Amino acid sequence: MESINEQTQVELKPGTGLDISFTYGDKVINTRGHIKSSSDEVIVIEFEVDDKKMTPPVGTDIYILKNSICYNIIDSKDFPEVKATRVCGRKYLRVDNILKVHYKKVSQENYKKYRDRPIVIYKNIFGEPLKTPEIEEVDLRLLYELIYQANLKMDRILDILEDKRAEKYAVSKNENVNISGAGIRFIADQAFSIGDIIALRIFLPLATQTQIDVLGEVRKVTKSEKKGRYCIAVKFVELSEDDREMIIRYVFKRQREIIRITSDYT
């Protein structure tokens, strides 16, 4: 098969071989594949994988290595064969990773009342945010380990406090999350309606664990392959520029990690 490992874009035609990377669960999957068919809008790719039960959900980004091409899966029911569309023109880059997300629907009444003061909504639902000092780079492995262990202990304390809160929120953890400076897609244990407003607390693994509180509007809801779970796509509607900058910083950090992993693979 013709390879697509050149830096310049190659015409993606049937039979073209691909080096592919995508996130599934808590793993980055690096594999081979080839194009079965293509058109101006949709491409059909067949993956070379041993685990045929490993089905990436709709919305998963596929990265064509060494060619800076990204496709987004629109149909994976026949995996290892998937249908995907080319990703282009995004204002914000986005990445996949395993992130912890707290979420709860906000009533229209409270949204209208506190839209100009969303911090009131965050405090009523999540309580006071945990403040941690911002550190760009940590050179000492021991320091990083101490911070990590402290965060684990704090998580256990917060889990105990969560059970005592009157206004209970849901938690999505150990699930793949897709995030950018514009929005987030995550797995929830309840369905939402298009247009619902959700309060989110997103935990970003920077040098220290960083919490982002934000309101978002539900734009798309699809059933997850896991029974009783739903894939929720949300557009941020109340996000400070400082927090957006923090998310973008995380996205670039995650992209560097993916590039490191894929370069080791190739």
Protein backbone atom coordinates (compact mmCIF):
# COMPACT_ATOMS: atom_id res chain seq x y z
CA MET A 1 0.00 0.00 0.00
CA GLU A 2 1.07 3.59 -0.54
CA SER A 3 2.28 5.19 2.68
CA ILE A 4 1.15 8.56 4.00
CA ASN A 5 4.18 9.31 6.14
CA GLU A 6 5.28 12.40 4.19
CA GLN A 7 5.05 15.84 5.75
CA THR A 8 3.24 17.23 2.73
CA GLN A 9 -0.38 16.30 2.36
CA VAL A 10 -0.96 13.23 0.20
CA GLU A 11 -4.21 12.52 -1.62
CA LEU A 12 -6.17 10.12 0.53
CA LYS A 13 -7.38 7.52 -1.92
CA PRO A 14 -8.52 3.90 -1.48
CA GLY A 15 -5.63 1.67 -0.52
CA THR A 16 -3.54 4.40 1.08
CA GLY A 17 -1.80 3.10 4.22
CA LEU A 18 -2.07 5.12 7.41
CA ASP A 19 -0.23 5.40 10.72
CA ILE A 20 -3.02 6.25 13.17
CA SER A 21 -3.25 7.49 16.75
CA PHE A 22 -6.39 7.94 18.84
CA THR A 23 -7.47 7.86 22.48
CA TYR A 24 -9.59 5.00 23.81
CA GLY A 25 -10.45 4.97 27.49
CA ASP A 26 -7.28 5.82 29.37
CA LYS A 27 -4.94 4.68 26.59
CA VAL A 28 -3.42 6.22 23.49
CA ILE A 29 -3.77 3.66 20.69
CA ASN A 30 -1.15 3.71 17.93
CA THR A 31 -1.87 1.39 15.02
CA ARG A 32 -2.00 1.00 11.26
CA GLY A 33 -4.93 1.19 8.90
CA HIS A 34 -5.91 1.87 5.32
CA ILE A 35 -8.52 3.83 3.42
CA LYS A 36 -11.40 1.78 2.01
CA SER A 37 -13.17 4.68 0.32
CA SER A 38 -13.20 8.46 0.35
CA SER A 39 -15.23 11.41 -0.90
CA ASP A 40 -15.07 15.16 -0.46
CA GLU A 41 -16.87 14.91 2.89
CA VAL A 42 -16.47 11.39 4.34
CA ILE A 43 -13.59 8.94 4.53
CA VAL A 44 -13.88 5.23 5.44
CA ILE A 45 -10.90 3.79 7.31
CA GLU A 46 -10.28 0.20 8.32
CA PHE A 47 -8.10 -0.16 11.43
CA GLU A 48 -5.60 -2.96 11.98
CA VAL A 49 -6.39 -3.96 15.57
CA ASP A 50 -6.53 -7.28 17.43
CA ASP A 51 -9.29 -6.24 19.83
CA LYS A 52 -12.39 -5.98 17.59
CA LYS A 53 -14.56 -5.19 20.66
CA MET A 54 -12.62 -1.98 21.24
CA THR A 55 -14.99 0.47 19.55
CA PRO A 56 -14.00 4.17 19.69
CA PRO A 57 -17.13 6.28 20.29
CA VAL A 58 -18.56 8.71 17.78
CA GLY A 59 -16.76 12.04 18.16
CA THR A 60 -13.31 10.50 18.70
CA ASP A 61 -10.49 12.34 16.92
CA ILE A 62 -8.18 10.25 14.73
CA TYR A 63 -4.69 11.65 14.14
CA ILE A 64 -2.84 10.70 10.95
CA LEU A 65 0.75 10.67 12.15
CA LYS A 66 3.50 12.72 10.51
CA ASN A 67 0.99 14.46 8.28
CA SER A 68 -0.84 16.81 10.65
CA ILE A 69 -4.26 15.55 9.59
CA CYS A 70 -7.10 15.04 12.02
CA TYR A 71 -10.39 13.25 11.33
CA ASN A 72 -13.43 12.93 13.58
CA ILE A 73 -15.39 9.65 13.75
CA ILE A 74 -19.06 9.98 12.77
CA ASP A 75 -19.90 6.24 12.61
CA SER A 76 -18.10 3.38 14.37
CA LYS A 77 -20.78 0.69 14.60
CA ASP A 78 -18.87 -1.49 12.08
CA PHE A 79 -15.50 -1.13 13.83
CA PRO A 80 -12.67 -1.83 12.92
CA GLU A 81 -14.19 0.05 9.97
CA VAL A 82 -15.16 3.66 10.73
CA LYS A 83 -16.52 6.66 8.87
CA ALA A 84 -14.93 10.02 9.61
CA THR A 85 -14.87 13.61 8.44
CA ARG A 86 -11.87 15.92 8.08
CA VAL A 87 -11.38 18.37 10.94
CA CYS A 88 -10.54 21.83 9.71
CA GLY A 89 -11.26 25.43 10.57
CA ARG A 90 -11.47 24.91 14.33
CA LYS A 91 -10.82 28.09 16.25
CA TYR A 92 -9.53 26.09 19.23
CA LEU A 93 -7.48 22.91 19.21
CA ARG A 94 -8.88 20.09 21.29
CA VAL A 95 -7.49 16.92 22.85
CA ASP A 96 -8.67 13.72 24.49
CA ASN A 97 -7.65 12.54 27.94
CA ILE A 98 -8.99 10.98 31.12
CA LEU A 99 -10.25 13.90 33.22
CA LYS A 100 -12.42 14.20 36.29
CA VAL A 101 -15.51 16.33 35.73
CA HIS A 102 -18.20 17.39 38.23
CA TYR A 103 -21.47 18.46 36.65
CA LYS A 104 -25.05 19.47 37.45
CA LYS A 105 -27.92 20.98 35.49
CA VAL A 106 -28.70 24.61 36.35
CA SER A 107 -32.32 25.73 36.34
CA GLN A 108 -33.24 28.49 33.91
CA GLU A 109 -34.37 30.57 36.88
CA ASN A 110 -30.99 30.39 38.60
CA TYR A 111 -29.13 30.88 35.32
CA LYS A 112 -31.01 34.09 34.55
CA LYS A 113 -30.67 35.28 38.15
CA TYR A 114 -26.94 34.66 38.51
CA ARG A 115 -25.70 34.76 34.93
CA ASP A 116 -23.66 37.88 35.68
CA ARG A 117 -22.40 36.30 38.91
CA PRO A 118 -21.79 32.63 38.03
CA ILE A 119 -19.53 32.25 41.05
CA VAL A 120 -22.73 32.11 43.14
CA ILE A 121 -23.88 29.08 41.13
CA TYR A 122 -20.50 27.37 41.47
CA LYS A 123 -20.39 27.89 45.25
CA ASN A 124 -23.98 26.67 45.72
CA ILE A 125 -23.28 23.49 43.77
CA PHE A 126 -19.59 22.67 44.26
CA GLY A 127 -18.64 24.68 47.34
CA GLU A 128 -15.51 26.79 47.59
CA PRO A 129 -12.86 25.98 44.95
CA LEU A 130 -9.60 24.47 46.12
CA LYS A 131 -6.84 27.00 45.50
CA THR A 132 -3.42 25.67 44.57
CA PRO A 133 -0.34 27.65 43.61
CA GLU A 134 0.41 27.70 39.89
CA ILE A 135 3.74 26.12 38.94
CA GLU A 136 4.91 26.10 35.33
CA GLU A 137 7.59 23.47 35.60
CA VAL A 138 8.50 20.97 38.32
CA ASP A 139 12.03 19.63 38.02
CA LEU A 140 12.18 17.62 41.22
CA ARG A 141 10.48 14.23 41.00
CA LEU A 142 10.05 14.13 44.78
CA LEU A 143 8.22 17.47 44.86
CA TYR A 144 5.86 16.33 42.12
CA GLU A 145 5.17 13.06 43.95
CA LEU A 146 4.40 14.91 47.20
CA ILE A 147 1.96 17.21 45.39
CA TYR A 148 0.34 14.23 43.69
CA GLN A 149 -0.11 12.35 46.96
CA ALA A 150 -1.53 15.48 48.60
CA ASN A 151 -4.07 15.79 45.80
CA LEU A 152 -5.12 12.16 46.26
CA LYS A 153 -5.71 12.75 49.95
CA MET A 154 -7.64 15.92 49.22
CA ASP A 155 -9.80 14.01 46.72
CA ARG A 156 -10.72 11.52 49.44
CA ILE A 157 -11.65 14.34 51.81
CA LEU A 158 -13.73 16.03 49.12
CA ASP A 159 -15.48 12.73 48.31
CA ILE A 160 -16.55 12.47 51.96
CA LEU A 161 -17.80 16.04 51.95
CA GLU A 162 -19.66 15.47 48.66
CA ASP A 163 -21.88 12.89 50.32
CA LYS A 164 -22.98 15.49 52.88
CA ARG A 165 -23.90 18.17 50.37
CA ALA A 166 -27.60 18.97 50.02
CA GLU A 167 -27.26 19.98 46.37
CA LYS A 168 -25.64 16.84 45.04
CA TYR A 169 -23.75 16.94 41.75
CA ALA A 170 -22.65 14.05 39.57
CA VAL A 171 -19.05 13.02 38.92
CA SER A 172 -17.56 11.69 35.70
CA LYS A 173 -14.16 10.10 36.27
CA ASN A 174 -12.03 7.42 34.62
CA GLU A 175 -13.76 8.37 31.37
CA ASN A 176 -12.39 9.86 28.17
CA VAL A 177 -13.01 13.61 27.88
CA ASN A 178 -12.52 15.80 24.81
CA ILE A 179 -11.78 19.43 25.67
CA SER A 180 -10.84 22.70 23.98
CA GLY A 181 -10.98 26.39 24.78
CA ALA A 182 -14.52 26.42 23.36
CA GLY A 183 -16.18 23.42 24.97
CA ILE A 184 -16.05 19.88 26.29
CA ARG A 185 -17.44 16.44 25.50
CA PHE A 186 -17.77 13.98 28.38
CA ILE A 187 -19.66 10.85 29.49
CA ALA A 188 -22.58 11.40 31.88
CA ASP A 189 -24.89 9.00 33.69
CA GLN A 190 -27.94 11.03 32.72
CA ALA A 191 -29.37 12.47 29.53
CA PHE A 192 -29.71 16.22 29.06
CA SER A 193 -31.78 18.22 26.61
CA ILE A 194 -30.34 20.43 23.90
CA GLY A 195 -30.06 23.93 25.34
CA ASP A 196 -29.75 22.84 28.98
CA ILE A 197 -27.28 24.86 31.04
CA ILE A 198 -24.79 22.79 33.05
CA ALA A 199 -22.40 23.86 35.77
CA LEU A 200 -19.04 22.12 35.36
CA ARG A 201 -15.98 21.77 37.55
CA ILE A 202 -13.15 20.42 35.40
CA PHE A 203 -9.90 19.11 36.90
CA LEU A 204 -6.86 19.72 34.70
CA PRO A 205 -3.60 17.84 35.44
CA LEU A 206 -1.12 20.66 35.03
CA ALA A 207 1.96 20.88 37.27
CA THR A 208 -0.57 21.07 40.08
CA GLN A 209 -4.15 19.91 39.73
CA THR A 210 -6.15 22.90 38.55
CA GLN A 211 -9.91 23.34 38.86
CA ILE A 212 -11.93 25.24 36.26
CA ASP A 213 -15.52 26.23 37.09
CA VAL A 214 -17.61 27.06 34.04
CA LEU A 215 -21.18 27.13 32.73
CA GLY A 216 -21.94 25.38 29.46
CA GLU A 217 -24.83 24.91 27.06
CA VAL A 218 -25.65 21.38 25.88
CA ARG A 219 -25.27 21.21 22.10
CA LYS A 220 -25.43 17.46 21.40
CA VAL A 221 -26.48 14.31 23.26
CA THR A 222 -25.86 10.75 22.05
CA LYS A 223 -26.15 7.38 23.76
CA SER A 224 -22.87 5.92 24.90
CA GLU A 225 -21.98 2.31 24.19
CA LYS A 226 -22.05 1.79 27.94
CA LYS A 227 -25.57 1.07 29.15
CA GLY A 228 -27.22 4.01 30.88
CA ARG A 229 -24.48 6.47 29.88
CA TYR A 230 -24.62 9.42 27.51
CA CYS A 231 -22.06 11.41 25.54
CA ILE A 232 -22.67 15.10 26.23
CA ALA A 233 -21.20 17.86 24.04
CA VAL A 234 -21.18 21.26 25.75
CA LYS A 235 -20.24 24.73 24.56
CA PHE A 236 -18.79 27.03 27.22
CA VAL A 237 -20.99 30.10 27.71
CA GLU A 238 -19.54 31.68 30.86
CA LEU A 239 -15.77 31.22 30.85
CA SER A 240 -13.26 33.83 31.97
CA GLU A 241 -10.34 34.57 29.68
CA ASP A 242 -7.93 33.48 32.43
CA ASP A 243 -9.65 30.09 32.66
CA ARG A 244 -9.77 29.77 28.87
CA GLU A 245 -6.05 30.47 28.78
CA MET A 246 -5.55 27.74 31.40
CA ILE A 247 -7.48 25.23 29.28
CA ILE A 248 -5.54 26.17 26.14
CA ARG A 249 -2.29 25.78 28.07
CA TYR A 250 -3.41 22.29 29.11
CA VAL A 251 -4.40 21.42 25.52
CA PHE A 252 -0.92 22.29 24.25
CA LYS A 253 0.65 20.35 27.12
CA ARG A 254 -1.44 17.30 26.24
CA GLN A 255 -0.59 17.63 22.55
CA ARG A 256 3.11 17.62 23.40
CA GLU A 257 2.55 14.39 25.36
CA ILE A 258 0.76 12.80 22.40
CA ILE A 259 3.53 13.87 20.01
CA ARG A 260 6.12 12.33 22.37
CA ILE A 261 4.18 9.07 22.55
CA THR A 262 3.60 8.86 18.79
CA SER A 263 7.22 9.74 17.98
CA ASP A 264 8.35 6.89 20.25
CA TYR A 265 5.97 4.62 18.36
CA THR A 266 7.24 5.58 14.93
